[in-house]
Protein backbone atom coordinates (compact mmCIF):
# COMPACT_ATOMS: atom_id res chain seq x y z
CA MET A 1 -18.93 10.36 13.82
CA SER A 2 -15.32 10.79 14.84
CA ARG A 3 -12.57 11.90 12.49
CA VAL A 4 -11.31 8.32 12.18
CA ASP A 5 -14.81 7.01 11.49
CA ASP A 6 -15.24 9.60 8.75
CA LEU A 7 -11.97 8.53 7.09
CA LEU A 8 -12.79 4.84 7.27
CA THR A 9 -16.24 5.47 5.80
CA LEU A 10 -14.66 7.42 2.96
CA ALA A 11 -12.14 4.63 2.42
CA GLU A 12 -14.91 2.09 2.04
CA ALA A 13 -16.60 4.27 -0.61
CA THR A 14 -13.37 4.89 -2.55
CA PRO A 15 -12.71 2.83 -5.71
CA GLY A 16 -10.19 0.07 -5.16
CA PHE A 17 -9.56 -3.63 -4.77
CA MET A 18 -9.29 -4.10 -1.01
CA PRO A 19 -12.11 -5.83 0.90
CA ARG A 20 -13.38 -3.91 3.91
CA ASP A 21 -12.13 -6.41 6.48
CA GLU A 22 -8.63 -6.32 5.04
CA GLY A 23 -8.66 -2.53 4.90
CA LEU A 24 -9.73 -2.32 8.52
CA ALA A 25 -7.01 -4.80 9.49
CA LEU A 26 -4.46 -2.69 7.60
CA HIS A 27 -5.63 0.33 9.54
CA GLU A 28 -5.71 -1.39 12.91
CA HIS A 29 -2.20 -2.85 12.70
CA ALA A 30 -0.76 0.47 11.54
CA LEU A 31 -2.67 2.28 14.28
CA ASP A 32 -1.35 -0.11 16.93
CA TYR A 33 2.20 0.39 15.70
CA GLY A 34 1.77 4.17 15.63
CA ALA A 35 0.51 4.15 19.22
CA HIS A 36 3.98 2.97 20.26
CA VAL A 37 6.11 4.74 17.63
CA SER A 38 4.87 8.23 16.77
CA GLY A 39 6.24 10.54 14.11
CA GLY A 40 7.22 7.66 11.85
CA THR A 41 7.86 7.37 8.13
CA TRP A 42 5.48 5.00 6.33
CA LEU A 43 5.27 4.03 2.67
CA GLU A 44 2.79 2.17 0.51
CA ILE A 45 3.60 0.78 -2.94
CA GLY A 46 0.50 0.83 -5.10
CA ALA A 47 -2.01 3.62 -4.57
CA TRP A 48 -4.72 3.45 -7.28
CA CYS A 49 -7.38 5.98 -6.18
CA ALA A 50 -6.17 6.17 -2.54
CA LYS A 51 -8.37 3.54 -0.88
CA SER A 52 -5.49 1.98 1.08
CA ALA A 53 -3.99 5.44 1.59
CA LEU A 54 -7.09 6.37 3.58
CA TYR A 55 -6.95 3.27 5.76
CA LEU A 56 -3.26 3.88 6.43
CA GLY A 57 -3.55 7.66 6.43
CA ALA A 58 -6.12 7.63 9.22
CA ALA A 59 -3.64 5.70 11.37
CA ALA A 60 -0.72 7.87 10.30
CA GLU A 61 -2.57 11.06 11.21
CA ALA A 62 -3.39 9.66 14.65
CA SER A 63 0.30 8.99 15.32
CA ALA A 64 1.70 12.18 13.73
CA SER A 65 3.37 9.99 11.11
CA VAL A 66 3.76 10.62 7.38
CA LEU A 67 2.61 8.15 4.74
CA TYR A 68 4.28 8.27 1.33
CA SER A 69 1.91 6.86 -1.27
CA LEU A 70 3.88 5.61 -4.27
CA ASP A 71 2.47 4.75 -7.70
CA HIS A 72 3.15 5.48 -11.36
CA HIS A 73 -0.65 5.82 -11.66
CA ARG A 74 -0.82 4.07 -15.04
CA GLY A 75 -2.30 0.84 -13.68
CA SER A 76 -1.12 -2.74 -13.89
CA GLU A 77 -1.67 -5.10 -16.80
CA GLU A 78 -5.11 -6.19 -15.58
CA ASN A 79 -6.25 -2.54 -15.48
CA GLN A 80 -5.61 -1.89 -19.18
CA PRO A 81 -8.24 -1.84 -21.99
CA GLY A 82 -9.63 -5.29 -22.71
CA TRP A 83 -8.76 -6.65 -19.28
CA GLU A 84 -11.06 -7.53 -16.38
CA TYR A 85 -10.39 -4.49 -14.16
CA PHE A 86 -10.33 -1.78 -16.81
CA ASP A 87 -12.22 1.40 -15.83
CA PRO A 88 -12.79 3.74 -18.81
CA THR A 89 -13.58 6.67 -16.48
CA LEU A 90 -9.91 6.74 -15.45
CA VAL A 91 -8.55 7.19 -18.97
CA ASP A 92 -6.82 10.54 -19.55
CA PRO A 93 -8.38 12.15 -22.68
CA PHE A 94 -5.08 13.94 -23.33
CA ASP A 95 -3.10 10.83 -24.23
CA GLY A 96 -5.60 7.96 -23.98
CA ARG A 97 -3.69 6.28 -21.16
CA LEU A 98 -4.96 5.20 -17.76
CA ASN A 99 -4.23 7.86 -15.14
CA THR A 100 -5.41 7.40 -11.56
CA LEU A 101 -3.49 10.39 -10.18
CA PRO A 102 -6.37 12.94 -10.44
CA CYS A 103 -8.68 10.50 -8.61
CA TRP A 104 -6.00 9.94 -5.94
CA GLN A 105 -5.51 13.69 -5.49
CA ARG A 106 -9.23 14.37 -5.18
CA THR A 107 -9.61 11.59 -2.60
CA ILE A 108 -6.75 12.82 -0.42
CA ALA A 109 -8.00 16.41 -0.65
CA ARG A 110 -11.54 15.37 0.25
CA ALA A 111 -10.13 13.52 3.27
CA ALA A 112 -8.10 16.59 4.30
CA LEU A 113 -5.00 14.39 4.53
CA GLU A 114 -2.70 16.41 2.31
CA SER A 115 -0.28 17.08 5.18
CA THR A 116 -0.20 13.42 6.20
CA VAL A 117 -0.33 11.48 2.93
CA ILE A 118 2.32 12.55 0.44
CA GLY A 119 2.13 11.31 -3.13
CA LEU A 120 5.20 9.95 -4.91
CA VAL A 121 4.67 9.56 -8.65
CA GLY A 122 7.03 7.34 -10.61
CA PRO A 123 8.42 3.81 -10.98
CA SER A 124 8.93 2.10 -7.64
CA GLN A 125 12.47 0.94 -8.42
CA VAL A 126 13.63 4.41 -9.45
CA VAL A 127 12.20 6.03 -6.33
CA ALA A 128 13.63 3.30 -4.09
CA ALA A 129 17.14 3.90 -5.39
CA HIS A 130 16.95 7.53 -4.22
CA PHE A 131 14.90 7.09 -1.03
CA ALA A 132 17.24 7.01 1.96
CA GLN A 133 14.80 7.50 4.85
CA PRO A 134 14.32 4.41 7.05
CA LEU A 135 10.76 3.09 7.07
CA ASP A 136 8.64 2.26 10.10
CA VAL A 137 5.80 0.77 8.05
CA LEU A 138 5.93 -0.63 4.51
CA PHE A 139 2.83 -1.84 2.65
CA ILE A 140 3.46 -3.69 -0.62
CA ASP A 141 0.48 -3.72 -2.97
CA GLY A 142 2.01 -2.77 -6.30
CA GLY A 143 2.23 -4.68 -9.57
CA HIS A 144 1.92 -8.45 -9.22
CA ALA A 145 4.09 -9.46 -12.17
CA ALA A 146 7.09 -11.38 -10.84
CA PRO A 147 9.83 -8.88 -11.83
CA VAL A 148 7.88 -5.97 -10.32
CA ALA A 149 6.92 -7.71 -7.07
CA TRP A 150 10.42 -9.05 -6.48
CA ALA A 151 12.00 -5.66 -7.19
CA ASP A 152 9.64 -4.03 -4.67
CA TYR A 153 10.56 -6.63 -2.07
CA GLU A 154 14.31 -6.51 -2.69
CA MET A 155 14.66 -2.74 -2.91
CA TRP A 156 12.28 -1.59 -0.18
CA THR A 157 12.31 -4.16 2.63
CA PRO A 158 15.93 -3.46 3.65
CA LYS A 159 14.78 0.07 4.57
CA ILE A 160 12.44 -1.17 7.33
CA VAL A 161 13.68 -0.45 10.85
CA ALA A 162 13.92 -3.13 13.55
CA GLY A 163 10.46 -3.61 15.01
CA GLY A 164 8.86 -2.03 11.96
CA LEU A 165 5.97 -3.51 9.99
CA LEU A 166 5.95 -5.15 6.58
CA MET A 167 2.44 -5.68 5.22
CA ILE A 168 1.81 -7.49 1.93
CA HIS A 169 -1.51 -7.64 0.09
CA ASP A 170 -2.93 -10.33 -2.21
CA VAL A 171 -1.07 -13.21 -0.57
CA PHE A 172 -2.85 -16.38 -1.74
CA PRO A 173 -1.38 -19.74 -0.67
CA ASP A 174 -3.68 -21.51 -3.15
CA PRO A 175 -2.71 -20.65 -6.77
CA ALA A 176 -6.37 -20.99 -7.75
CA ASP A 177 -7.16 -17.88 -5.70
CA GLY A 178 -4.65 -15.45 -7.19
CA GLY A 179 -1.21 -14.75 -8.62
CA ARG A 180 1.92 -16.21 -7.07
CA PRO A 181 4.43 -13.31 -6.70
CA PRO A 182 2.88 -11.72 -3.55
CA TYR A 183 2.79 -15.15 -1.90
CA GLU A 184 6.36 -15.84 -3.01
CA ILE A 185 7.76 -12.61 -1.59
CA TYR A 186 5.86 -13.27 1.64
CA CYS A 187 7.54 -16.68 1.86
CA ALA A 188 10.89 -15.09 1.04
CA ALA A 189 10.46 -12.62 3.90
CA LEU A 190 9.81 -15.48 6.33
CA ASP A 191 12.66 -17.58 4.96
CA SER A 192 15.08 -14.66 5.22
CA GLY A 193 15.00 -14.79 9.02
CA ARG A 194 14.59 -11.01 9.06
CA PHE A 195 10.82 -11.03 9.55
CA ALA A 196 8.40 -12.78 11.89
CA PRO A 197 4.70 -13.32 11.10
CA ARG A 198 2.40 -11.13 13.16
CA ALA A 199 -1.12 -11.42 11.75
CA ALA A 200 -3.26 -12.33 8.75
CA CYS A 201 -6.64 -11.20 7.46
CA GLY A 202 -7.91 -12.53 4.15
CA SER A 203 -5.06 -11.98 1.70
CA LEU A 204 -3.31 -9.43 3.93
CA ARG A 205 -0.18 -10.57 5.77
CA VAL A 206 1.50 -8.56 8.53
CA LEU A 207 5.10 -9.19 9.54
CA GLU A 208 7.49 -7.57 12.01
CA ARG A 209 11.10 -6.74 11.17
CA LEU A 210 13.44 -8.46 13.60
CA ALA A 211 16.51 -6.77 15.05
């Protein structure tokens, strides 16, 4: 298999919450962008164990771009004990809290992407306030609580360059299918006049930043 095939196979086997078709779409749209704009700066919000970082990282490597993978690595509400998506194997025995960072690090090392995918550990809003580099690609897949999702949208989307990509995960038009904040920030991006819809796959939405 090719290098890209190896990375996509590893991505599929990595723990996470992204269906294969959506992961491949994430990869393909980033790869297409990178084919026209090499050496870019990309960022994902929400990393978990690096599943999406592999899909994006494979495209970033092919275009000599760098992907910053941002997460506090303590999980969202639904990942905590007693909730549906709790995984006891990810609990840190030192303090009893969820900690996905070691899993993320092992995944990126196994993929040999340590020079392409750079981890940022901390609250999204704090990092955003000190991150001045313009972004070519932004993938929002962080916490889905309204204050968190809206802060990610408001603080990070202004950093996207004209022609750059904004990709948002877990966008469900029907409330019965999932939480509202990702859908609401997607609608806000369209209503702002700053973004145009480019593609959709499952709950993944891809938009282009207008000039």
